Amino acid sequence: MKKEIRRKILQARLALSNEEVEKKSKIVCEKILGLPDIAKARTVMAYLPFRKEVSMVSLFGAFWAEGKRVIIPVCDACRTALIPSELKSIEEDLQPGTWGILEPKPEKLRPVGPGGIDFVIVPGVAFDLSCNRLGYGVGYYDRFLPQLKENTPKIAVAFELQMVEALIPDQYDIPMDAVFTEEKEYYRQR
């Protein structure tokens, strides 16, 4: 079931034009910037887009202008773990890494403890109306998210085409606090 959902959603997402991705990403980014929790956050973890994910890159400049630290995930394929690393420059710090995702060059790796992160923007393949997340199937975020401080906001971003009615979460799946798309905002009921 999960494999079929992944295949179907990824196929639909990859069919989006670059213009659609850019336009829809901009709408999602504007919603994120308007959140009270993001205004309070001093250290924000986001990600660099992969395979036509919602792009958060336009937020980085706004975060830096507000004096926030920008943290990106680095995939440690040997341990299947995410290493949060501070990003200071898109132009100077990055090179293609694991899975072809841009990551810091080795000399630009600036690890940050998960406890120092105030807000996390999470990607994924699919999400349901209860804010459950379906990732790529490797478990990087499933292992990383429990390391955050208990009340750290975890907001997922996606395109509306990535929303499904219901996913069946496993015991290690961490639900998001909210999922923001270009059309709607979905909040987890506690």
N, C-alpha and C. Protein backbone atom coordinates (compact mmCIF):
# COMPACT_ATOMS: atom_id res chain seq x y z
N MET A 1 0.82 -1.20 0.00
CA MET A 1 0.00 0.00 0.00
C MET A 1 0.87 1.27 0.00
N LYS A 2 1.85 1.35 0.93
CA LYS A 2 2.71 2.53 1.00
C LYS A 2 3.50 2.70 -0.30
N LYS A 3 4.01 1.59 -0.84
CA LYS A 3 4.78 1.68 -2.09
C LYS A 3 3.93 2.24 -3.22
N GLU A 4 2.69 1.80 -3.29
CA GLU A 4 1.79 2.27 -4.34
C GLU A 4 1.47 3.75 -4.17
N ILE A 5 1.24 4.19 -2.94
CA ILE A 5 0.98 5.61 -2.69
C ILE A 5 2.21 6.42 -3.08
N ARG A 6 3.39 5.97 -2.66
CA ARG A 6 4.63 6.68 -3.02
C ARG A 6 4.76 6.80 -4.54
N ARG A 7 4.57 5.69 -5.24
CA ARG A 7 4.74 5.67 -6.69
C ARG A 7 3.77 6.66 -7.35
N LYS A 8 2.51 6.60 -6.95
CA LYS A 8 1.48 7.44 -7.55
C LYS A 8 1.73 8.93 -7.28
N ILE A 9 2.03 9.27 -6.03
CA ILE A 9 2.25 10.67 -5.66
C ILE A 9 3.52 11.22 -6.30
N LEU A 10 4.60 10.45 -6.26
CA LEU A 10 5.85 10.92 -6.87
C LEU A 10 5.68 11.13 -8.37
N GLN A 11 4.96 10.25 -9.02
CA GLN A 11 4.70 10.38 -10.45
C GLN A 11 3.93 11.68 -10.73
N ALA A 12 2.92 11.96 -9.93
CA ALA A 12 2.13 13.19 -10.10
C ALA A 12 2.98 14.43 -9.82
N ARG A 13 3.79 14.36 -8.77
CA ARG A 13 4.62 15.53 -8.42
C ARG A 13 5.66 15.80 -9.50
N LEU A 14 6.28 14.75 -10.00
CA LEU A 14 7.30 14.92 -11.04
C LEU A 14 6.70 15.44 -12.35
N ALA A 15 5.40 15.27 -12.53
CA ALA A 15 4.73 15.77 -13.74
C ALA A 15 4.48 17.27 -13.68
N LEU A 16 4.62 17.88 -12.51
CA LEU A 16 4.46 19.33 -12.40
C LEU A 16 5.54 20.03 -13.20
N SER A 17 5.18 21.14 -13.84
CA SER A 17 6.20 21.93 -14.53
C SER A 17 7.02 22.69 -13.50
N ASN A 18 8.20 23.12 -13.89
CA ASN A 18 9.04 23.91 -12.99
C ASN A 18 8.33 25.20 -12.59
N GLU A 19 7.56 25.77 -13.52
CA GLU A 19 6.82 27.00 -13.23
C GLU A 19 5.75 26.75 -12.16
N GLU A 20 5.05 25.60 -12.27
CA GLU A 20 4.03 25.27 -11.26
C GLU A 20 4.67 25.08 -9.89
N VAL A 21 5.79 24.38 -9.86
CA VAL A 21 6.50 24.15 -8.59
C VAL A 21 6.89 25.49 -7.97
N GLU A 22 7.44 26.37 -8.77
CA GLU A 22 7.88 27.68 -8.26
C GLU A 22 6.69 28.50 -7.75
N LYS A 23 5.62 28.55 -8.52
CA LYS A 23 4.44 29.34 -8.14
C LYS A 23 3.80 28.80 -6.86
N LYS A 24 3.60 27.50 -6.80
CA LYS A 24 2.96 26.89 -5.64
C LYS A 24 3.87 26.97 -4.41
N SER A 25 5.17 26.80 -4.61
CA SER A 25 6.12 26.90 -3.50
C SER A 25 6.08 28.29 -2.88
N LYS A 26 5.98 29.31 -3.72
CA LYS A 26 5.94 30.69 -3.23
C LYS A 26 4.73 30.90 -2.31
N ILE A 27 3.59 30.33 -2.68
CA ILE A 27 2.38 30.46 -1.86
C ILE A 27 2.59 29.80 -0.50
N VAL A 28 3.16 28.60 -0.52
CA VAL A 28 3.41 27.87 0.74
C VAL A 28 4.40 28.65 1.61
N CYS A 29 5.45 29.18 1.00
CA CYS A 29 6.45 29.95 1.76
C CYS A 29 5.83 31.17 2.43
N GLU A 30 4.93 31.85 1.74
CA GLU A 30 4.26 33.02 2.33
C GLU A 30 3.45 32.62 3.56
N LYS A 31 2.82 31.46 3.51
CA LYS A 31 2.05 30.97 4.67
C LYS A 31 2.98 30.70 5.85
N ILE A 32 4.12 30.09 5.57
CA ILE A 32 5.09 29.77 6.63
C ILE A 32 5.59 31.06 7.29
N LEU A 33 5.91 32.06 6.47
CA LEU A 33 6.42 33.33 7.01
C LEU A 33 5.41 34.02 7.92
N GLY A 34 4.13 33.76 7.73
CA GLY A 34 3.10 34.39 8.54
C GLY A 34 2.81 33.71 9.86
N LEU A 35 3.47 32.61 10.15
CA LEU A 35 3.20 31.87 11.38
C LEU A 35 3.81 32.54 12.62
N PRO A 36 3.06 32.66 13.71
CA PRO A 36 3.63 33.22 14.94
C PRO A 36 4.83 32.41 15.45
N ASP A 37 4.76 31.07 15.34
CA ASP A 37 5.88 30.24 15.81
C ASP A 37 7.16 30.51 15.02
N ILE A 38 7.04 30.83 13.74
CA ILE A 38 8.24 31.10 12.94
C ILE A 38 8.80 32.47 13.33
N ALA A 39 7.93 33.41 13.68
CA ALA A 39 8.39 34.73 14.11
C ALA A 39 9.21 34.63 15.39
N LYS A 40 8.82 33.73 16.29
CA LYS A 40 9.52 33.56 17.57
C LYS A 40 10.81 32.75 17.44
N ALA A 41 10.87 31.89 16.43
CA ALA A 41 12.00 30.96 16.30
C ALA A 41 13.30 31.69 15.97
N ARG A 42 14.37 31.27 16.61
CA ARG A 42 15.70 31.81 16.32
C ARG A 42 16.49 30.87 15.41
N THR A 43 16.16 29.58 15.47
CA THR A 43 16.87 28.56 14.69
C THR A 43 15.82 27.71 13.98
N VAL A 44 15.82 27.77 12.65
CA VAL A 44 14.82 27.08 11.84
C VAL A 44 15.49 26.03 10.97
N MET A 45 14.97 24.81 11.03
CA MET A 45 15.46 23.75 10.15
C MET A 45 14.49 23.62 8.98
N ALA A 46 15.02 23.72 7.79
CA ALA A 46 14.24 23.52 6.57
C ALA A 46 14.99 22.47 5.74
N TYR A 47 14.83 22.47 4.46
CA TYR A 47 15.49 21.46 3.62
C TYR A 47 15.69 22.06 2.24
N LEU A 48 16.53 21.42 1.47
CA LEU A 48 16.73 21.81 0.08
C LEU A 48 15.91 20.85 -0.78
N PRO A 49 15.17 21.36 -1.78
CA PRO A 49 14.22 20.53 -2.51
C PRO A 49 14.87 19.43 -3.34
N PHE A 50 14.12 18.34 -3.49
CA PHE A 50 14.55 17.14 -4.19
C PHE A 50 13.36 16.62 -4.97
N ARG A 51 13.56 16.34 -6.22
CA ARG A 51 12.52 15.74 -7.06
C ARG A 51 11.20 16.52 -7.00
N LYS A 52 11.30 17.82 -7.24
CA LYS A 52 10.15 18.73 -7.30
C LYS A 52 9.35 18.80 -6.00
N GLU A 53 10.05 18.75 -4.88
CA GLU A 53 9.40 19.04 -3.59
C GLU A 53 9.11 20.54 -3.52
N VAL A 54 8.25 20.92 -2.59
CA VAL A 54 8.03 22.34 -2.33
C VAL A 54 9.39 22.95 -1.97
N SER A 55 9.74 24.04 -2.63
CA SER A 55 11.03 24.68 -2.37
C SER A 55 10.92 25.72 -1.26
N MET A 56 11.76 25.56 -0.25
CA MET A 56 11.81 26.49 0.87
C MET A 56 12.96 27.49 0.72
N VAL A 57 13.72 27.39 -0.36
CA VAL A 57 14.94 28.17 -0.51
C VAL A 57 14.66 29.67 -0.43
N SER A 58 13.52 30.12 -0.94
CA SER A 58 13.24 31.56 -0.89
C SER A 58 13.08 32.07 0.54
N LEU A 59 12.80 31.18 1.48
CA LEU A 59 12.69 31.59 2.89
C LEU A 59 14.04 31.87 3.53
N PHE A 60 15.09 31.24 3.03
CA PHE A 60 16.39 31.34 3.69
C PHE A 60 16.85 32.79 3.81
N GLY A 61 16.72 33.55 2.74
CA GLY A 61 17.13 34.96 2.77
C GLY A 61 16.33 35.76 3.79
N ALA A 62 15.02 35.49 3.87
CA ALA A 62 14.18 36.18 4.86
C ALA A 62 14.61 35.80 6.27
N PHE A 63 14.90 34.54 6.49
CA PHE A 63 15.34 34.10 7.82
C PHE A 63 16.66 34.77 8.19
N TRP A 64 17.61 34.77 7.27
CA TRP A 64 18.90 35.40 7.56
C TRP A 64 18.73 36.89 7.85
N ALA A 65 17.86 37.56 7.08
CA ALA A 65 17.62 39.00 7.28
C ALA A 65 17.04 39.28 8.66
N GLU A 66 16.31 38.31 9.22
CA GLU A 66 15.73 38.46 10.56
C GLU A 66 16.67 37.98 11.66
N GLY A 67 17.89 37.59 11.28
CA GLY A 67 18.87 37.13 12.26
C GLY A 67 18.68 35.69 12.71
N LYS A 68 17.89 34.93 11.98
CA LYS A 68 17.67 33.52 12.34
C LYS A 68 18.80 32.66 11.78
N ARG A 69 19.04 31.56 12.46
CA ARG A 69 19.98 30.55 11.94
C ARG A 69 19.17 29.59 11.07
N VAL A 70 19.71 29.24 9.91
CA VAL A 70 19.08 28.29 9.00
C VAL A 70 19.83 26.96 9.10
N ILE A 71 19.08 25.92 9.39
CA ILE A 71 19.65 24.58 9.54
C ILE A 71 19.08 23.71 8.42
N ILE A 72 19.94 22.91 7.80
CA ILE A 72 19.47 21.96 6.79
C ILE A 72 19.89 20.55 7.20
N PRO A 73 19.13 19.55 6.75
CA PRO A 73 19.49 18.17 7.08
C PRO A 73 20.56 17.65 6.12
N VAL A 74 21.50 16.91 6.68
CA VAL A 74 22.52 16.23 5.89
C VAL A 74 22.30 14.74 6.11
N CYS A 75 22.19 13.99 5.02
CA CYS A 75 21.96 12.54 5.13
C CYS A 75 23.27 11.82 5.38
N ASP A 76 23.35 11.14 6.50
CA ASP A 76 24.48 10.26 6.79
C ASP A 76 24.04 8.86 6.38
N ALA A 77 24.39 8.47 5.15
CA ALA A 77 23.91 7.20 4.59
C ALA A 77 24.45 5.99 5.36
N CYS A 78 25.63 6.11 5.94
CA CYS A 78 26.21 4.98 6.69
C CYS A 78 25.37 4.63 7.91
N ARG A 79 24.87 5.67 8.59
CA ARG A 79 24.07 5.44 9.81
C ARG A 79 22.58 5.65 9.57
N THR A 80 22.20 5.90 8.32
CA THR A 80 20.83 6.33 7.98
C THR A 80 20.29 7.31 9.03
N ALA A 81 21.06 8.38 9.20
CA ALA A 81 20.70 9.41 10.18
C ALA A 81 20.78 10.78 9.52
N LEU A 82 20.02 11.72 10.05
CA LEU A 82 20.10 13.11 9.61
C LEU A 82 21.02 13.86 10.56
N ILE A 83 21.91 14.64 9.99
CA ILE A 83 22.77 15.52 10.78
C ILE A 83 22.32 16.94 10.49
N PRO A 84 21.77 17.65 11.47
CA PRO A 84 21.42 19.05 11.24
C PRO A 84 22.70 19.89 11.13
N SER A 85 22.76 20.72 10.09
CA SER A 85 23.95 21.53 9.86
C SER A 85 23.54 22.96 9.52
N GLU A 86 24.23 23.92 10.12
CA GLU A 86 23.90 25.32 9.84
C GLU A 86 24.37 25.70 8.44
N LEU A 87 23.47 26.35 7.71
CA LEU A 87 23.77 26.85 6.37
C LEU A 87 23.96 28.36 6.46
N LYS A 88 25.08 28.84 5.94
CA LYS A 88 25.34 30.28 5.98
C LYS A 88 25.31 30.91 4.59
N SER A 89 25.49 30.09 3.54
CA SER A 89 25.49 30.62 2.17
C SER A 89 25.07 29.52 1.20
N ILE A 90 24.03 29.79 0.44
CA ILE A 90 23.60 28.82 -0.57
C ILE A 90 24.68 28.68 -1.64
N GLU A 91 25.25 29.79 -2.05
CA GLU A 91 26.23 29.79 -3.14
C GLU A 91 27.55 29.13 -2.76
N GLU A 92 28.01 29.34 -1.52
CA GLU A 92 29.36 28.90 -1.15
C GLU A 92 29.42 27.59 -0.38
N ASP A 93 28.34 27.19 0.27
CA ASP A 93 28.39 26.05 1.19
C ASP A 93 28.05 24.70 0.58
N LEU A 94 27.37 24.67 -0.57
CA LEU A 94 26.71 23.44 -1.01
C LEU A 94 27.36 22.72 -2.18
N GLN A 95 27.12 21.41 -2.21
CA GLN A 95 27.49 20.55 -3.33
C GLN A 95 26.53 19.36 -3.32
N PRO A 96 26.37 18.64 -4.46
CA PRO A 96 25.49 17.47 -4.46
C PRO A 96 26.00 16.41 -3.49
N GLY A 97 25.07 15.85 -2.70
CA GLY A 97 25.43 14.82 -1.72
C GLY A 97 24.62 13.56 -1.93
N THR A 98 24.29 12.89 -0.83
CA THR A 98 23.52 11.66 -0.86
C THR A 98 22.22 11.88 -1.63
N TRP A 99 21.89 10.95 -2.51
CA TRP A 99 20.67 10.99 -3.32
C TRP A 99 20.65 12.16 -4.29
N GLY A 100 21.76 12.86 -4.46
CA GLY A 100 21.80 14.01 -5.36
C GLY A 100 21.26 15.29 -4.73
N ILE A 101 20.93 15.24 -3.45
CA ILE A 101 20.41 16.41 -2.74
C ILE A 101 21.59 17.32 -2.38
N LEU A 102 21.42 18.62 -2.56
CA LEU A 102 22.48 19.54 -2.17
C LEU A 102 22.71 19.46 -0.66
N GLU A 103 23.99 19.38 -0.29
CA GLU A 103 24.40 19.30 1.11
C GLU A 103 25.65 20.14 1.29
N PRO A 104 25.99 20.47 2.53
CA PRO A 104 27.21 21.25 2.75
C PRO A 104 28.46 20.48 2.30
N LYS A 105 29.40 21.23 1.74
CA LYS A 105 30.72 20.66 1.47
C LYS A 105 31.30 20.22 2.81
N PRO A 106 32.18 19.22 2.82
CA PRO A 106 32.71 18.74 4.10
C PRO A 106 33.27 19.85 5.00
N GLU A 107 33.96 20.81 4.41
CA GLU A 107 34.54 21.88 5.22
C GLU A 107 33.49 22.91 5.67
N LYS A 108 32.27 22.82 5.13
CA LYS A 108 31.19 23.74 5.51
C LYS A 108 30.14 23.06 6.39
N LEU A 109 30.42 21.83 6.82
CA LEU A 109 29.51 21.13 7.72
C LEU A 109 29.61 21.76 9.11
N ARG A 110 28.49 22.25 9.61
CA ARG A 110 28.43 22.91 10.92
C ARG A 110 27.33 22.25 11.75
N PRO A 111 27.61 21.09 12.34
CA PRO A 111 26.56 20.35 13.06
C PRO A 111 25.93 21.16 14.19
N VAL A 112 24.63 20.95 14.35
CA VAL A 112 23.84 21.61 15.39
C VAL A 112 23.07 20.51 16.11
N GLY A 113 23.04 20.56 17.43
CA GLY A 113 22.28 19.57 18.19
C GLY A 113 20.78 19.75 17.96
N PRO A 114 20.03 18.66 17.87
CA PRO A 114 18.58 18.77 17.66
C PRO A 114 17.88 19.61 18.72
N GLY A 115 18.41 19.63 19.94
CA GLY A 115 17.80 20.41 21.01
C GLY A 115 17.89 21.91 20.81
N GLY A 116 18.75 22.36 19.90
CA GLY A 116 18.90 23.78 19.62
C GLY A 116 18.02 24.29 18.50
N ILE A 117 17.16 23.44 17.97
CA ILE A 117 16.30 23.81 16.84
C ILE A 117 14.93 24.22 17.38
N ASP A 118 14.44 25.38 16.93
CA ASP A 118 13.17 25.94 17.44
C ASP A 118 11.96 25.64 16.56
N PHE A 119 12.18 25.29 15.31
CA PHE A 119 11.08 25.10 14.36
C PHE A 119 11.61 24.22 13.23
N VAL A 120 10.80 23.24 12.79
CA VAL A 120 11.24 22.33 11.73
C VAL A 120 10.22 22.31 10.60
N ILE A 121 10.70 22.50 9.39
CA ILE A 121 9.89 22.38 8.18
C ILE A 121 10.28 21.06 7.53
N VAL A 122 9.30 20.17 7.37
CA VAL A 122 9.57 18.78 6.98
C VAL A 122 9.00 18.48 5.60
N PRO A 123 9.79 17.84 4.73
CA PRO A 123 9.26 17.39 3.45
C PRO A 123 8.65 15.99 3.59
N GLY A 124 8.09 15.49 2.53
CA GLY A 124 7.56 14.13 2.52
C GLY A 124 6.98 13.81 1.17
N VAL A 125 6.55 12.57 1.01
CA VAL A 125 5.93 12.16 -0.25
C VAL A 125 4.43 12.40 -0.19
N ALA A 126 3.80 11.98 0.90
CA ALA A 126 2.34 12.13 1.04
C ALA A 126 2.00 12.42 2.50
N PHE A 127 0.84 13.04 2.68
CA PHE A 127 0.33 13.37 4.01
C PHE A 127 -1.16 13.12 4.01
N ASP A 128 -1.70 12.82 5.19
CA ASP A 128 -3.16 12.64 5.25
C ASP A 128 -3.80 13.78 6.02
N LEU A 129 -5.12 13.73 6.11
CA LEU A 129 -5.88 14.82 6.72
C LEU A 129 -5.62 14.95 8.22
N SER A 130 -5.02 13.91 8.83
CA SER A 130 -4.66 13.94 10.25
C SER A 130 -3.19 14.31 10.45
N CYS A 131 -2.53 14.74 9.38
CA CYS A 131 -1.13 15.19 9.41
C CYS A 131 -0.13 14.05 9.60
N ASN A 132 -0.53 12.83 9.27
CA ASN A 132 0.44 11.73 9.23
C ASN A 132 1.27 11.89 7.97
N ARG A 133 2.52 11.46 8.05
CA ARG A 133 3.49 11.66 6.97
C ARG A 133 3.95 10.33 6.41
N LEU A 134 4.07 10.29 5.09
CA LEU A 134 4.69 9.17 4.40
C LEU A 134 5.94 9.72 3.72
N GLY A 135 7.11 9.24 4.15
CA GLY A 135 8.36 9.70 3.57
C GLY A 135 8.78 8.81 2.41
N TYR A 136 10.07 8.83 2.14
CA TYR A 136 10.60 8.06 1.01
C TYR A 136 10.87 6.60 1.37
N GLY A 137 10.71 6.24 2.64
CA GLY A 137 10.85 4.85 3.03
C GLY A 137 12.18 4.48 3.64
N VAL A 138 13.05 5.47 3.87
CA VAL A 138 14.37 5.18 4.45
C VAL A 138 14.35 5.41 5.97
N GLY A 139 13.51 6.30 6.45
CA GLY A 139 13.36 6.52 7.88
C GLY A 139 14.23 7.61 8.48
N TYR A 140 14.84 8.45 7.65
CA TYR A 140 15.69 9.52 8.18
C TYR A 140 14.94 10.41 9.17
N TYR A 141 13.80 10.93 8.76
CA TYR A 141 13.05 11.83 9.64
C TYR A 141 12.41 11.08 10.80
N ASP A 142 12.02 9.82 10.59
CA ASP A 142 11.43 9.03 11.68
C ASP A 142 12.42 8.87 12.84
N ARG A 143 13.70 8.79 12.52
CA ARG A 143 14.72 8.67 13.57
C ARG A 143 15.14 10.04 14.13
N PHE A 144 15.04 11.07 13.30
CA PHE A 144 15.49 12.39 13.73
C PHE A 144 14.46 13.13 14.59
N LEU A 145 13.22 13.15 14.18
CA LEU A 145 12.21 13.98 14.86
C LEU A 145 12.07 13.70 16.36
N PRO A 146 12.17 12.45 16.84
CA PRO A 146 12.08 12.23 18.29
C PRO A 146 13.21 12.87 19.09
N GLN A 147 14.29 13.28 18.44
CA GLN A 147 15.42 13.90 19.14
C GLN A 147 15.18 15.38 19.44
N LEU A 148 14.16 15.98 18.83
CA LEU A 148 13.86 17.40 19.04
C LEU A 148 13.28 17.62 20.43
N LYS A 149 13.36 18.87 20.90
CA LYS A 149 12.66 19.22 22.14
C LYS A 149 11.18 18.90 21.94
N GLU A 150 10.52 18.53 23.01
CA GLU A 150 9.15 18.04 22.93
C GLU A 150 8.17 18.98 22.22
N ASN A 151 8.27 20.26 22.46
CA ASN A 151 7.30 21.20 21.90
C ASN A 151 7.77 21.91 20.63
N THR A 152 8.82 21.40 19.99
CA THR A 152 9.30 22.01 18.75
C THR A 152 8.24 21.85 17.66
N PRO A 153 7.76 22.95 17.07
CA PRO A 153 6.77 22.81 16.00
C PRO A 153 7.36 22.06 14.80
N LYS A 154 6.58 21.10 14.30
CA LYS A 154 6.95 20.31 13.13
C LYS A 154 5.88 20.54 12.07
N ILE A 155 6.22 21.36 11.09
CA ILE A 155 5.28 21.72 10.05
C ILE A 155 5.75 21.10 8.73
N ALA A 156 4.85 20.35 8.10
CA ALA A 156 5.17 19.77 6.80
C ALA A 156 4.66 20.70 5.71
N VAL A 157 5.35 20.67 4.59
CA VAL A 157 4.91 21.42 3.42
C VAL A 157 4.78 20.45 2.26
N ALA A 158 3.76 20.67 1.45
CA ALA A 158 3.49 19.77 0.33
C ALA A 158 2.62 20.49 -0.69
N PHE A 159 2.48 19.88 -1.84
CA PHE A 159 1.50 20.35 -2.81
C PHE A 159 0.19 19.62 -2.51
N GLU A 160 -0.91 20.25 -2.83
CA GLU A 160 -2.22 19.65 -2.55
C GLU A 160 -2.33 18.25 -3.14
N LEU A 161 -1.68 18.00 -4.27
CA LEU A 161 -1.75 16.67 -4.90
C LEU A 161 -1.08 15.59 -4.06
N GLN A 162 -0.34 15.98 -3.02
CA GLN A 162 0.31 15.02 -2.13
C GLN A 162 -0.57 14.62 -0.94
N MET A 163 -1.74 15.23 -0.84
CA MET A 163 -2.64 14.92 0.27
C MET A 163 -3.51 13.71 -0.08
N VAL A 164 -3.63 12.80 0.87
CA VAL A 164 -4.50 11.63 0.72
C VAL A 164 -5.44 11.60 1.91
N GLU A 165 -6.52 10.87 1.78
CA GLU A 165 -7.52 10.86 2.86
C GLU A 165 -6.96 10.28 4.15
N ALA A 166 -6.31 9.12 4.06
CA ALA A 166 -5.81 8.48 5.28
C ALA A 166 -4.59 7.62 4.98
N LEU A 167 -3.61 7.71 5.86
CA LEU A 167 -2.45 6.83 5.86
C LEU A 167 -2.52 5.99 7.12
N ILE A 168 -1.94 4.82 7.08
CA ILE A 168 -1.88 3.98 8.28
C ILE A 168 -0.47 4.12 8.84
N PRO A 169 -0.31 4.92 9.90
CA PRO A 169 1.04 5.13 10.44
C PRO A 169 1.56 3.91 11.18
N ASP A 170 2.87 3.71 11.10
CA ASP A 170 3.53 2.68 11.90
C ASP A 170 3.84 3.29 13.26
N GLN A 171 4.29 2.45 14.21
CA GLN A 171 4.53 2.95 15.57
C GLN A 171 5.65 3.99 15.62
N TYR A 172 6.57 3.98 14.68
CA TYR A 172 7.69 4.93 14.71
C TYR A 172 7.40 6.20 13.89
N ASP A 173 6.26 6.27 13.21
CA ASP A 173 5.92 7.45 12.42
C ASP A 173 5.51 8.60 13.34
N ILE A 174 6.07 9.76 13.12
CA ILE A 174 5.78 10.95 13.92
C ILE A 174 4.81 11.84 13.13
N PRO A 175 3.61 12.11 13.67
CA PRO A 175 2.71 13.00 12.95
C PRO A 175 3.22 14.44 13.00
N MET A 176 2.87 15.20 11.99
CA MET A 176 3.21 16.61 11.93
C MET A 176 2.19 17.40 12.74
N ASP A 177 2.57 18.59 13.18
CA ASP A 177 1.62 19.47 13.86
C ASP A 177 0.65 20.08 12.85
N ALA A 178 1.15 20.28 11.62
CA ALA A 178 0.32 20.83 10.55
C ALA A 178 0.96 20.49 9.22
N VAL A 179 0.15 20.53 8.17
CA VAL A 179 0.64 20.39 6.80
C VAL A 179 0.10 21.59 6.03
N PHE A 180 1.01 22.31 5.37
CA PHE A 180 0.62 23.48 4.58
C PHE A 180 0.80 23.15 3.10
N THR A 181 -0.25 23.39 2.33
CA THR A 181 -0.16 23.26 0.87
C THR A 181 -0.48 24.62 0.27
N GLU A 182 -0.40 24.69 -1.04
CA GLU A 182 -0.72 25.94 -1.72
C GLU A 182 -2.21 26.28 -1.62
N GLU A 183 -3.04 25.29 -1.29
CA GLU A 183 -4.48 25.52 -1.23
C GLU A 183 -5.05 25.58 0.19
N LYS A 184 -4.50 24.78 1.10
CA LYS A 184 -5.10 24.66 2.43
C LYS A 184 -4.04 24.48 3.50
N GLU A 185 -4.49 24.58 4.76
CA GLU A 185 -3.66 24.25 5.91
C GLU A 185 -4.42 23.17 6.67
N TYR A 186 -3.72 22.11 7.02
CA TYR A 186 -4.31 21.00 7.78
C TYR A 186 -3.63 20.97 9.14
N TYR A 187 -4.42 20.91 10.20
CA TYR A 187 -3.87 20.88 11.55
C TYR A 187 -4.22 19.56 12.23
N ARG A 188 -3.25 19.03 12.97
CA ARG A 188 -3.47 17.78 13.69
C ARG A 188 -4.36 18.05 14.90
N GLN A 189 -5.35 17.21 15.07
CA GLN A 189 -6.22 17.29 16.24
C GLN A 189 -5.55 16.54 17.38
N ARG A 190 -5.39 17.17 18.51
CA ARG A 190 -4.71 16.53 19.64
C ARG A 190 -5.70 15.97 20.62
